[in-house]
N, C-alpha and C. Protein backbone atom coordinates (compact mmCIF):
# COMPACT_ATOMS: atom_id res chain seq x y z
N MET A 1 132.08 142.79 -125.38
CA MET A 1 132.49 143.72 -124.36
C MET A 1 132.96 145.08 -125.20
N ASN A 2 132.22 146.21 -124.85
CA ASN A 2 132.80 147.29 -125.78
C ASN A 2 133.93 147.76 -125.00
N ARG A 3 134.79 148.78 -125.46
CA ARG A 3 136.05 149.25 -125.24
C ARG A 3 135.61 150.06 -123.87
N LYS A 4 134.83 150.72 -123.64
CA LYS A 4 134.51 151.54 -122.35
C LYS A 4 134.39 150.46 -121.07
N THR A 5 133.66 149.45 -121.37
CA THR A 5 133.51 148.45 -120.27
C THR A 5 134.71 147.81 -119.99
N LYS A 6 135.48 147.50 -121.04
CA LYS A 6 136.81 146.75 -120.74
C LYS A 6 137.85 147.83 -119.94
N PHE A 7 137.76 148.99 -120.25
CA PHE A 7 138.57 150.14 -119.48
C PHE A 7 138.16 150.15 -118.11
N LEU A 8 136.82 149.93 -117.91
CA LEU A 8 136.26 150.12 -116.61
C LEU A 8 136.51 149.07 -115.74
N LEU A 9 136.60 147.81 -116.53
CA LEU A 9 136.74 146.56 -115.77
C LEU A 9 138.20 146.37 -115.47
N ALA A 10 139.22 146.83 -116.25
CA ALA A 10 140.60 146.95 -116.01
C ALA A 10 140.95 147.81 -115.03
N GLY A 11 140.24 148.96 -114.97
CA GLY A 11 140.40 150.00 -113.88
C GLY A 11 140.24 149.35 -112.41
N ILE A 12 138.91 148.65 -112.35
CA ILE A 12 138.51 147.96 -111.22
C ILE A 12 139.55 147.06 -110.80
N ILE A 13 139.93 146.25 -111.65
CA ILE A 13 140.92 145.15 -111.51
C ILE A 13 142.24 145.82 -110.94
N ILE A 14 142.82 146.74 -111.57
CA ILE A 14 143.87 147.42 -111.18
C ILE A 14 143.62 148.10 -109.65
N ALA A 15 142.47 148.64 -109.45
CA ALA A 15 142.30 149.23 -107.96
C ALA A 15 142.45 148.11 -106.96
N PHE A 16 141.55 146.93 -107.33
CA PHE A 16 141.66 145.97 -106.38
C PHE A 16 143.25 145.42 -106.07
N ILE A 17 143.83 145.31 -107.21
CA ILE A 17 145.35 144.95 -107.01
C ILE A 17 146.02 146.07 -106.10
N ALA A 18 145.87 147.14 -106.58
CA ALA A 18 146.65 148.22 -105.71
C ALA A 18 146.12 148.24 -104.34
N PHE A 19 144.86 148.09 -104.09
CA PHE A 19 144.42 148.04 -102.80
C PHE A 19 144.89 147.07 -101.98
N PHE A 20 145.07 145.64 -102.41
CA PHE A 20 145.64 144.61 -101.85
C PHE A 20 147.15 144.87 -101.62
N ILE A 21 147.93 145.46 -102.64
CA ILE A 21 149.13 145.82 -102.35
C ILE A 21 149.52 146.95 -101.37
N ILE A 22 148.62 147.81 -101.22
CA ILE A 22 148.63 148.79 -100.25
C ILE A 22 148.44 148.14 -98.76
N LEU A 23 147.31 147.12 -98.90
CA LEU A 23 146.97 146.70 -97.50
C LEU A 23 147.97 145.73 -97.13
N GLU A 24 148.82 145.07 -97.94
CA GLU A 24 149.83 144.30 -97.58
C GLU A 24 150.88 145.10 -96.95
N LYS A 25 151.24 146.21 -97.72
CA LYS A 25 152.37 147.13 -97.36
C LYS A 25 151.93 147.70 -95.95
N ASP A 26 150.68 148.05 -95.68
CA ASP A 26 150.15 148.61 -94.54
C ASP A 26 150.42 147.74 -93.32
N GLU A 27 150.05 146.43 -93.64
CA GLU A 27 150.10 145.35 -92.70
C GLU A 27 151.56 145.15 -92.27
N SER A 28 152.46 144.96 -93.27
CA SER A 28 153.82 144.98 -92.99
C SER A 28 154.37 146.26 -92.23
N GLU A 29 153.83 147.26 -92.50
CA GLU A 29 154.34 148.47 -91.60
C GLU A 29 153.66 148.59 -90.10
N VAL A 30 152.42 148.02 -90.24
CA VAL A 30 151.90 147.73 -88.93
C VAL A 30 152.74 146.86 -88.14
N LYS A 31 153.04 145.84 -88.77
CA LYS A 31 153.88 144.74 -87.90
C LYS A 31 155.21 145.20 -87.49
N THR A 32 155.96 145.98 -88.33
CA THR A 32 157.04 146.76 -87.98
C THR A 32 156.87 147.74 -86.84
N VAL A 33 155.87 148.41 -86.94
CA VAL A 33 155.50 149.50 -85.96
C VAL A 33 155.04 148.58 -84.67
N ASN A 34 154.47 147.59 -84.78
CA ASN A 34 154.04 146.88 -83.52
C ASN A 34 155.35 146.24 -83.01
N ASN A 35 156.22 145.81 -83.67
CA ASN A 35 157.53 145.15 -83.18
C ASN A 35 158.22 146.19 -82.54
N GLU A 36 158.30 147.54 -83.06
CA GLU A 36 159.13 148.57 -82.47
C GLU A 36 158.49 148.78 -81.18
N ILE A 37 157.00 148.83 -81.08
CA ILE A 37 156.55 149.22 -79.76
C ILE A 37 156.70 148.15 -78.75
N GLU A 38 156.75 146.86 -79.27
CA GLU A 38 157.09 145.78 -78.33
C GLU A 38 158.54 145.97 -77.85
N ASP A 39 159.43 146.12 -78.72
CA ASP A 39 160.77 146.25 -78.31
C ASP A 39 160.78 147.58 -77.24
N ASN A 40 160.11 148.63 -77.52
CA ASN A 40 160.13 149.81 -76.40
C ASN A 40 159.65 149.40 -75.19
N VAL A 41 158.39 148.73 -75.28
CA VAL A 41 157.93 148.27 -74.03
C VAL A 41 158.79 147.53 -73.20
N GLU A 42 159.48 146.42 -73.87
CA GLU A 42 160.38 145.50 -73.17
C GLU A 42 161.51 146.50 -72.54
N GLN A 43 162.09 147.40 -73.37
CA GLN A 43 163.17 148.08 -72.85
C GLN A 43 162.72 149.17 -71.58
N VAL A 44 161.33 149.46 -71.70
CA VAL A 44 160.78 150.28 -70.59
C VAL A 44 160.72 149.45 -69.18
N GLU A 45 160.12 148.28 -69.51
CA GLU A 45 160.10 147.33 -68.34
C GLU A 45 161.33 147.02 -67.92
N LYS A 46 162.52 146.89 -68.71
CA LYS A 46 163.93 146.58 -68.00
C LYS A 46 164.45 147.71 -67.27
N ASP A 47 164.19 149.11 -67.85
CA ASP A 47 164.50 150.17 -67.18
C ASP A 47 163.67 150.37 -65.82
N VAL A 48 162.37 149.91 -65.73
CA VAL A 48 161.60 150.23 -64.61
C VAL A 48 162.28 149.38 -63.50
N ASP A 49 162.54 148.02 -63.99
CA ASP A 49 163.11 146.94 -62.97
C ASP A 49 164.34 147.51 -62.39
N LYS A 50 165.15 148.06 -63.34
CA LYS A 50 166.48 148.76 -62.70
C LYS A 50 166.10 149.80 -61.92
N GLU A 51 165.34 150.66 -62.15
CA GLU A 51 164.95 151.60 -61.14
C GLU A 51 164.46 151.18 -59.91
N GLU A 52 163.51 150.05 -59.90
CA GLU A 52 162.97 149.56 -58.56
C GLU A 52 164.19 148.97 -57.91
N VAL A 53 165.18 148.40 -58.42
CA VAL A 53 166.09 147.86 -57.79
C VAL A 53 167.13 148.94 -57.07
N GLN A 54 167.18 150.01 -57.96
CA GLN A 54 168.06 151.14 -57.39
C GLN A 54 167.30 151.77 -56.29
N ALA A 55 165.92 151.84 -56.53
CA ALA A 55 165.21 152.45 -55.36
C ALA A 55 165.24 151.77 -54.15
N GLU A 56 165.14 150.54 -54.19
CA GLU A 56 165.29 149.47 -52.86
C GLU A 56 166.60 149.80 -52.15
N SER A 57 167.67 150.03 -52.99
CA SER A 57 168.96 150.38 -52.35
C SER A 57 169.22 151.50 -51.90
N VAL A 58 168.34 152.51 -52.04
CA VAL A 58 168.52 153.87 -51.57
C VAL A 58 168.56 153.72 -50.10
N ASP A 59 169.43 154.54 -49.56
CA ASP A 59 169.65 154.64 -48.05
C ASP A 59 168.52 155.57 -47.55
N MET A 60 167.57 155.08 -46.65
CA MET A 60 166.59 155.91 -46.10
C MET A 60 166.74 156.57 -44.64
N GLY A 61 168.22 156.44 -44.33
CA GLY A 61 168.50 156.76 -43.04
C GLY A 61 168.54 158.23 -42.59
N ALA A 62 168.20 158.47 -41.43
CA ALA A 62 167.99 159.87 -40.86
C ALA A 62 169.30 160.62 -41.07
N PRO A 63 169.54 161.91 -41.49
CA PRO A 63 170.60 162.60 -41.40
C PRO A 63 171.42 162.56 -40.26
N GLY A 64 172.72 162.13 -40.27
CA GLY A 64 173.40 161.95 -39.08
C GLY A 64 174.07 163.22 -38.56
N PHE A 65 174.20 163.46 -37.21
CA PHE A 65 174.80 164.78 -36.76
C PHE A 65 175.38 164.31 -35.27
N THR A 66 176.28 165.20 -35.03
CA THR A 66 176.89 165.06 -33.55
C THR A 66 176.78 166.49 -32.99
N LEU A 67 176.17 166.42 -31.79
CA LEU A 67 176.08 167.72 -31.02
C LEU A 67 176.59 167.71 -29.56
N GLU A 68 176.71 168.67 -28.92
CA GLU A 68 177.23 168.60 -27.45
C GLU A 68 175.89 168.36 -26.57
N ASN A 69 176.20 167.48 -25.60
CA ASN A 69 175.03 167.30 -24.43
C ASN A 69 175.38 168.28 -23.41
N LEU A 70 174.58 168.23 -22.35
CA LEU A 70 174.49 169.17 -21.20
C LEU A 70 175.74 168.87 -20.34
N ASP A 71 176.41 167.75 -20.59
CA ASP A 71 177.74 167.50 -19.88
C ASP A 71 178.91 167.91 -20.49
N GLY A 72 178.65 168.44 -21.69
CA GLY A 72 179.68 168.75 -22.52
C GLY A 72 180.38 167.72 -23.43
N GLU A 73 179.45 166.68 -23.48
CA GLU A 73 180.18 165.41 -24.30
C GLU A 73 179.58 165.59 -25.74
N GLN A 74 180.30 165.00 -26.63
CA GLN A 74 179.99 164.85 -28.04
C GLN A 74 178.90 163.78 -28.16
N VAL A 75 177.62 163.93 -28.73
CA VAL A 75 176.79 162.70 -28.90
C VAL A 75 176.35 162.69 -30.29
N SER A 76 176.37 161.43 -30.99
CA SER A 76 175.85 161.30 -32.31
C SER A 76 174.63 160.65 -32.34
N LEU A 77 173.70 160.84 -33.42
CA LEU A 77 172.50 160.22 -33.64
C LEU A 77 172.87 158.59 -33.69
N SER A 78 173.83 158.37 -34.45
CA SER A 78 174.12 156.85 -34.51
C SER A 78 174.44 156.25 -33.35
N ASP A 79 174.77 156.86 -32.24
CA ASP A 79 174.82 156.28 -30.93
C ASP A 79 173.65 155.47 -30.48
N TYR A 80 172.61 155.82 -31.07
CA TYR A 80 171.37 155.29 -30.56
C TYR A 80 170.86 154.24 -31.60
N LYS A 81 171.67 153.90 -32.54
CA LYS A 81 171.32 152.63 -33.39
C LYS A 81 170.78 151.47 -32.68
N GLY A 82 169.79 150.85 -32.88
CA GLY A 82 169.32 149.57 -32.25
C GLY A 82 168.23 149.96 -31.37
N LYS A 83 167.90 151.30 -31.12
CA LYS A 83 166.75 151.81 -30.27
C LYS A 83 165.83 152.61 -31.13
N ILE A 84 164.59 152.76 -30.90
CA ILE A 84 163.60 153.49 -31.74
C ILE A 84 163.91 155.00 -30.99
N VAL A 85 164.02 155.92 -31.96
CA VAL A 85 164.21 157.23 -31.59
C VAL A 85 163.08 158.24 -31.86
N PHE A 86 162.70 159.05 -30.71
CA PHE A 86 161.98 160.17 -30.87
C PHE A 86 162.75 161.30 -30.87
N LEU A 87 163.36 161.74 -32.06
CA LEU A 87 163.96 163.05 -32.12
C LEU A 87 163.24 164.32 -32.25
N ASN A 88 163.36 164.94 -30.99
CA ASN A 88 162.53 166.00 -30.62
C ASN A 88 163.27 167.37 -30.62
N PHE A 89 162.70 168.23 -31.43
CA PHE A 89 163.34 169.79 -31.55
C PHE A 89 162.28 170.59 -30.85
N TRP A 90 162.93 171.44 -29.68
CA TRP A 90 162.21 172.09 -28.74
C TRP A 90 163.00 173.27 -28.47
N ALA A 91 162.40 173.96 -27.66
CA ALA A 91 162.84 175.27 -26.82
C ALA A 91 162.17 175.62 -25.58
N THR A 92 162.81 175.99 -24.70
CA THR A 92 162.23 176.28 -23.21
C THR A 92 161.19 177.28 -23.16
N TRP A 93 161.13 178.19 -24.30
CA TRP A 93 160.16 179.29 -24.42
C TRP A 93 158.81 178.72 -25.03
N CYS A 94 158.91 177.64 -25.60
CA CYS A 94 157.88 177.07 -26.50
C CYS A 94 156.88 176.29 -25.33
N GLY A 95 155.45 176.90 -25.34
CA GLY A 95 154.64 176.46 -24.49
C GLY A 95 154.13 174.82 -24.77
N TYR A 96 154.07 174.65 -26.08
CA TYR A 96 153.56 173.18 -26.38
C TYR A 96 154.59 172.13 -26.12
N CYS A 97 155.99 172.75 -26.20
CA CYS A 97 157.13 171.76 -25.94
C CYS A 97 157.02 171.56 -24.51
N ASP A 98 156.80 172.73 -23.66
CA ASP A 98 156.75 172.34 -22.27
C ASP A 98 155.73 171.25 -21.86
N GLU A 99 154.63 171.31 -22.41
CA GLU A 99 153.52 170.46 -22.16
C GLU A 99 153.79 169.10 -22.60
N GLU A 100 154.58 168.87 -23.55
CA GLU A 100 154.99 167.60 -23.99
C GLU A 100 156.22 166.82 -23.33
N MET A 101 156.84 167.73 -22.67
CA MET A 101 158.06 167.12 -21.96
C MET A 101 157.84 166.10 -21.11
N PRO A 102 156.75 166.12 -20.17
CA PRO A 102 156.37 165.08 -19.24
C PRO A 102 156.07 163.80 -19.99
N TYR A 103 155.29 164.03 -21.03
CA TYR A 103 154.89 162.86 -21.94
C TYR A 103 156.19 162.15 -22.33
N PHE A 104 157.21 162.68 -22.82
CA PHE A 104 158.39 162.17 -23.35
C PHE A 104 158.98 161.42 -22.19
N GLN A 105 159.13 161.99 -21.09
CA GLN A 105 159.78 161.50 -19.75
C GLN A 105 159.12 160.04 -19.45
N ASN A 106 157.74 160.04 -19.47
CA ASN A 106 157.11 159.12 -19.16
C ASN A 106 157.09 157.82 -20.23
N MET A 107 157.34 158.25 -21.56
CA MET A 107 157.43 157.24 -22.63
C MET A 107 158.90 156.70 -22.30
N MET A 108 159.88 157.49 -21.99
CA MET A 108 161.33 157.01 -21.96
C MET A 108 161.42 155.91 -20.67
N ASP A 109 160.76 156.42 -19.66
CA ASP A 109 160.85 155.66 -18.56
C ASP A 109 160.14 154.28 -18.66
N ASN A 110 158.98 154.17 -19.57
CA ASN A 110 158.35 152.84 -19.68
C ASN A 110 158.55 152.06 -20.69
N ASN A 111 159.51 152.42 -21.66
CA ASN A 111 159.82 151.57 -22.93
C ASN A 111 161.34 151.52 -23.01
N GLU A 112 161.80 150.27 -22.86
CA GLU A 112 163.31 150.09 -22.89
C GLU A 112 163.85 150.25 -24.13
N ASP A 113 162.98 150.06 -25.28
CA ASP A 113 163.44 150.19 -26.68
C ASP A 113 163.47 151.59 -27.36
N LEU A 114 163.09 152.64 -26.39
CA LEU A 114 162.92 153.88 -26.85
C LEU A 114 163.78 154.80 -26.23
N VAL A 115 164.35 155.60 -27.17
CA VAL A 115 165.12 156.81 -26.63
C VAL A 115 164.45 158.28 -27.09
N VAL A 116 164.24 158.94 -26.15
CA VAL A 116 163.86 160.31 -26.51
C VAL A 116 165.18 161.28 -26.53
N LEU A 117 165.48 161.86 -27.97
CA LEU A 117 166.54 162.46 -28.03
C LEU A 117 166.14 164.07 -28.25
N ALA A 118 166.08 164.95 -27.07
CA ALA A 118 165.52 166.31 -27.19
C ALA A 118 166.80 166.92 -27.49
N VAL A 119 166.57 167.75 -28.87
CA VAL A 119 167.49 168.76 -29.49
C VAL A 119 166.82 170.07 -29.27
N ASN A 120 167.62 171.05 -28.22
CA ASN A 120 167.16 172.22 -27.98
C ASN A 120 167.74 173.04 -29.20
N VAL A 121 166.77 173.93 -29.66
CA VAL A 121 167.12 174.65 -30.74
C VAL A 121 167.47 176.15 -30.44
N GLN A 122 168.87 176.67 -30.40
CA GLN A 122 169.37 177.88 -30.23
C GLN A 122 169.01 178.59 -28.93
N GLU A 123 169.22 177.88 -27.97
CA GLU A 123 169.27 178.46 -26.51
C GLU A 123 170.59 177.93 -25.96
N SER A 124 170.83 178.77 -24.82
CA SER A 124 172.13 178.80 -24.29
C SER A 124 172.11 177.54 -23.43
N LYS A 125 173.41 176.95 -23.08
CA LYS A 125 173.56 175.79 -21.97
C LYS A 125 172.87 176.06 -20.80
N ASP A 126 173.10 177.33 -20.24
CA ASP A 126 172.57 177.50 -18.82
C ASP A 126 171.03 177.54 -18.72
N ILE A 127 170.46 178.30 -19.83
CA ILE A 127 169.07 178.19 -19.75
C ILE A 127 168.39 176.83 -19.89
N VAL A 128 168.94 176.10 -20.89
CA VAL A 128 168.61 174.65 -21.02
C VAL A 128 168.76 173.74 -19.88
N SER A 129 169.86 173.92 -19.19
CA SER A 129 170.22 173.13 -18.10
C SER A 129 169.34 173.52 -16.91
N LYS A 130 169.02 174.66 -16.69
CA LYS A 130 168.07 174.99 -15.50
C LYS A 130 166.81 174.29 -15.97
N TYR A 131 166.30 174.44 -17.12
CA TYR A 131 164.93 174.07 -17.42
C TYR A 131 164.83 172.48 -17.14
N ILE A 132 165.88 171.85 -17.74
CA ILE A 132 165.81 170.26 -17.70
C ILE A 132 165.82 169.83 -16.12
N GLU A 133 166.70 170.67 -15.44
CA GLU A 133 166.87 170.21 -14.02
C GLU A 133 165.39 170.44 -13.15
N GLU A 134 164.95 171.63 -13.48
CA GLU A 134 163.73 171.85 -12.64
C GLU A 134 162.61 171.06 -13.13
N GLY A 135 162.68 170.43 -14.26
CA GLY A 135 161.57 169.49 -14.70
C GLY A 135 161.85 168.13 -14.42
N GLY A 136 162.99 167.82 -13.97
CA GLY A 136 163.48 166.65 -13.44
C GLY A 136 163.53 165.54 -14.59
N TYR A 137 164.00 166.10 -15.84
CA TYR A 137 163.97 165.13 -16.95
C TYR A 137 165.21 164.38 -17.09
N SER A 138 165.18 163.25 -17.48
CA SER A 138 166.45 162.37 -17.60
C SER A 138 166.91 162.10 -19.08
N PHE A 139 166.09 162.26 -19.90
CA PHE A 139 166.38 161.91 -21.42
C PHE A 139 167.60 162.74 -21.99
N PRO A 140 168.23 162.19 -22.77
CA PRO A 140 169.27 163.10 -23.46
C PRO A 140 168.85 164.29 -24.00
N VAL A 141 169.55 165.37 -23.88
CA VAL A 141 169.41 166.66 -24.25
C VAL A 141 170.49 167.04 -24.91
N LEU A 142 170.33 167.57 -26.26
CA LEU A 142 171.50 168.17 -26.96
C LEU A 142 171.21 169.58 -27.34
N LEU A 143 172.33 170.33 -27.67
CA LEU A 143 172.38 171.71 -27.84
C LEU A 143 172.75 171.97 -29.33
N ASP A 144 171.66 172.45 -30.04
CA ASP A 144 171.91 172.93 -31.36
C ASP A 144 171.94 174.40 -31.37
N LEU A 145 173.15 174.98 -31.00
CA LEU A 145 173.22 176.22 -30.69
C LEU A 145 173.18 177.12 -31.90
N GLU A 146 173.46 176.70 -32.98
CA GLU A 146 173.33 177.47 -34.32
C GLU A 146 172.21 177.23 -35.12
N GLY A 147 171.43 176.21 -34.70
CA GLY A 147 170.32 175.72 -35.29
C GLY A 147 170.59 175.05 -36.70
N GLU A 148 171.81 174.54 -36.78
CA GLU A 148 172.12 173.80 -38.02
C GLU A 148 171.52 172.54 -38.31
N VAL A 149 171.39 171.81 -37.14
CA VAL A 149 170.75 170.36 -37.26
C VAL A 149 169.09 170.58 -37.54
N GLY A 150 168.62 171.66 -36.96
CA GLY A 150 167.25 171.96 -37.05
C GLY A 150 167.07 172.28 -38.44
N GLY A 151 167.98 173.16 -39.03
CA GLY A 151 167.78 173.51 -40.41
C GLY A 151 167.88 172.25 -41.46
N GLU A 152 168.89 171.37 -41.14
CA GLU A 152 169.17 170.18 -41.93
C GLU A 152 167.82 169.21 -41.83
N TYR A 153 167.17 169.39 -40.79
CA TYR A 153 165.87 168.52 -40.76
C TYR A 153 164.56 169.35 -40.99
N LEU A 154 164.76 170.48 -41.59
CA LEU A 154 163.83 171.29 -42.11
C LEU A 154 162.67 171.63 -40.99
N VAL A 155 163.06 172.05 -39.86
CA VAL A 155 162.17 172.22 -38.61
C VAL A 155 161.59 173.60 -38.84
N GLY A 156 160.34 173.56 -39.08
CA GLY A 156 159.82 174.95 -39.24
C GLY A 156 158.94 175.60 -38.07
N VAL A 157 158.56 174.69 -37.27
CA VAL A 157 157.81 174.74 -36.02
C VAL A 157 158.38 173.91 -34.76
N LEU A 158 158.10 174.41 -33.66
CA LEU A 158 158.28 173.81 -32.53
C LEU A 158 157.23 173.51 -31.70
N PRO A 159 157.10 172.31 -31.03
CA PRO A 159 157.95 171.22 -31.25
C PRO A 159 157.74 170.47 -32.58
N THR A 160 158.82 169.92 -33.05
CA THR A 160 158.64 168.97 -34.18
C THR A 160 159.46 167.55 -33.68
N THR A 161 158.87 166.48 -33.80
CA THR A 161 159.49 165.08 -33.54
C THR A 161 159.65 164.32 -34.79
N TYR A 162 160.80 163.76 -34.97
CA TYR A 162 160.99 162.77 -36.14
C TYR A 162 161.11 161.50 -35.40
N LEU A 163 160.42 160.41 -36.21
CA LEU A 163 160.41 159.07 -35.83
C LEU A 163 161.46 158.35 -36.61
N ILE A 164 162.31 157.72 -35.91
CA ILE A 164 163.43 157.00 -36.46
C ILE A 164 163.40 155.35 -35.98
N ASP A 165 163.37 154.49 -36.74
CA ASP A 165 163.30 153.05 -36.29
C ASP A 165 164.75 152.57 -35.71
N LYS A 166 164.82 151.26 -35.49
CA LYS A 166 166.17 150.72 -34.81
C LYS A 166 167.36 150.63 -35.61
N GLU A 167 166.86 150.80 -37.18
CA GLU A 167 167.97 150.61 -38.13
C GLU A 167 168.36 151.95 -38.40
N GLY A 168 167.79 153.08 -37.88
CA GLY A 168 168.22 154.21 -38.34
C GLY A 168 167.54 155.02 -39.43
N ASN A 169 166.45 154.21 -39.86
CA ASN A 169 165.65 154.75 -40.96
C ASN A 169 164.50 155.76 -40.53
N LEU A 170 164.59 157.08 -41.20
CA LEU A 170 163.78 157.95 -40.80
C LEU A 170 162.24 157.66 -41.43
N LEU A 171 161.32 157.51 -40.42
CA LEU A 171 159.83 157.15 -40.91
C LEU A 171 159.02 158.17 -40.91
N ASP A 172 158.97 159.31 -40.21
CA ASP A 172 157.88 160.12 -40.23
C ASP A 172 158.34 161.36 -39.57
N ARG A 173 157.55 162.32 -39.67
CA ARG A 173 157.82 163.74 -38.89
C ARG A 173 156.39 164.02 -38.22
N MET A 174 156.31 164.63 -37.04
CA MET A 174 155.22 165.15 -36.34
C MET A 174 155.38 166.54 -36.06
N ALA A 175 154.84 167.42 -36.77
CA ALA A 175 154.99 168.95 -36.60
C ALA A 175 153.96 169.29 -35.55
N GLY A 176 154.40 169.84 -34.56
CA GLY A 176 153.55 170.26 -33.40
C GLY A 176 153.37 169.20 -32.22
N MET A 177 152.65 169.62 -31.13
CA MET A 177 152.64 168.68 -29.93
C MET A 177 152.07 167.54 -30.03
N MET A 178 152.56 166.44 -29.45
CA MET A 178 151.94 165.16 -29.64
C MET A 178 151.47 164.88 -28.06
N THR A 179 150.27 164.06 -28.04
CA THR A 179 149.98 163.66 -26.67
C THR A 179 150.59 162.25 -26.34
N GLU A 180 150.44 161.82 -25.08
CA GLU A 180 151.01 160.69 -24.66
C GLU A 180 150.55 159.49 -25.33
N ASP A 181 149.08 159.58 -25.61
CA ASP A 181 148.43 158.47 -26.31
C ASP A 181 148.93 158.39 -27.72
N GLN A 182 149.15 159.54 -28.33
CA GLN A 182 149.60 159.69 -29.86
C GLN A 182 151.20 158.82 -29.76
N MET A 183 152.02 159.54 -28.78
CA MET A 183 153.16 158.74 -28.72
C MET A 183 153.20 157.25 -28.56
N GLU A 184 152.42 156.88 -27.76
CA GLU A 184 152.20 155.21 -27.70
C GLU A 184 151.69 154.65 -28.78
N GLU A 185 150.77 155.25 -29.45
CA GLU A 185 150.16 154.61 -30.74
C GLU A 185 151.51 154.69 -31.70
N VAL A 186 152.14 155.65 -31.89
CA VAL A 186 153.12 155.79 -32.90
C VAL A 186 154.31 154.81 -32.62
N LEU A 187 154.63 154.61 -31.33
CA LEU A 187 155.60 153.62 -30.87
C LEU A 187 155.13 152.28 -31.18
N ASN A 188 153.98 151.89 -30.97
CA ASN A 188 153.40 150.56 -31.43
C ASN A 188 153.57 150.30 -32.90
N ILE A 189 153.24 151.26 -33.71
CA ILE A 189 153.26 151.23 -35.10
C ILE A 189 154.72 150.76 -35.61
N ILE A 190 155.79 151.65 -35.05
CA ILE A 190 157.14 151.49 -35.48
C ILE A 190 157.42 149.98 -35.07
N ARG A 191 157.07 149.49 -33.90
CA ARG A 191 157.42 148.29 -33.53
C ARG A 191 156.97 147.07 -34.29
N GLU A 192 155.66 147.29 -34.91
CA GLU A 192 155.01 146.37 -35.95
C GLU A 192 155.72 146.40 -37.23
N LEU A 193 156.56 147.43 -37.63
CA LEU A 193 157.21 147.54 -39.02
C LEU A 193 158.05 146.32 -39.19
């Protein structure tokens, strides 16, 4: 073999050796990176498990409040725990509220596990009392004279009804008027939960 061929052959052998050394190094780096990824994935899974446990323990209760009823008594939302609550925000001047009121009365009369809690928003006791008396309504009526409870519940339109289960969990919000059929459907869904 001539000298050129020997150098060429030596160069090829050195290149192969270098290639395998680099390959082994890359494989060990890949293994290291894979191990780091696996460790990170395990940590993320642990964190997700912790978050799920924490999320399950979050209280989904409806915001509590106490307001005066038409008899001047203090009434709290928590007084109705154990009943399904239709928490209705309304006003006497609201046409859709007026249309909805007989449906609420009928629902209350025909369902022992339901209470309709009608929160009047920012009207005087005299106006509300006259309206309720003329309508012959017997469900509890509370006065939100300053609109604070309506604000806490983010009421933007009247009527708005919040659906609360027997444990006091806030399930949904219905903005606008509901028909009696819709009320019955919603009540049955809540009962099935």
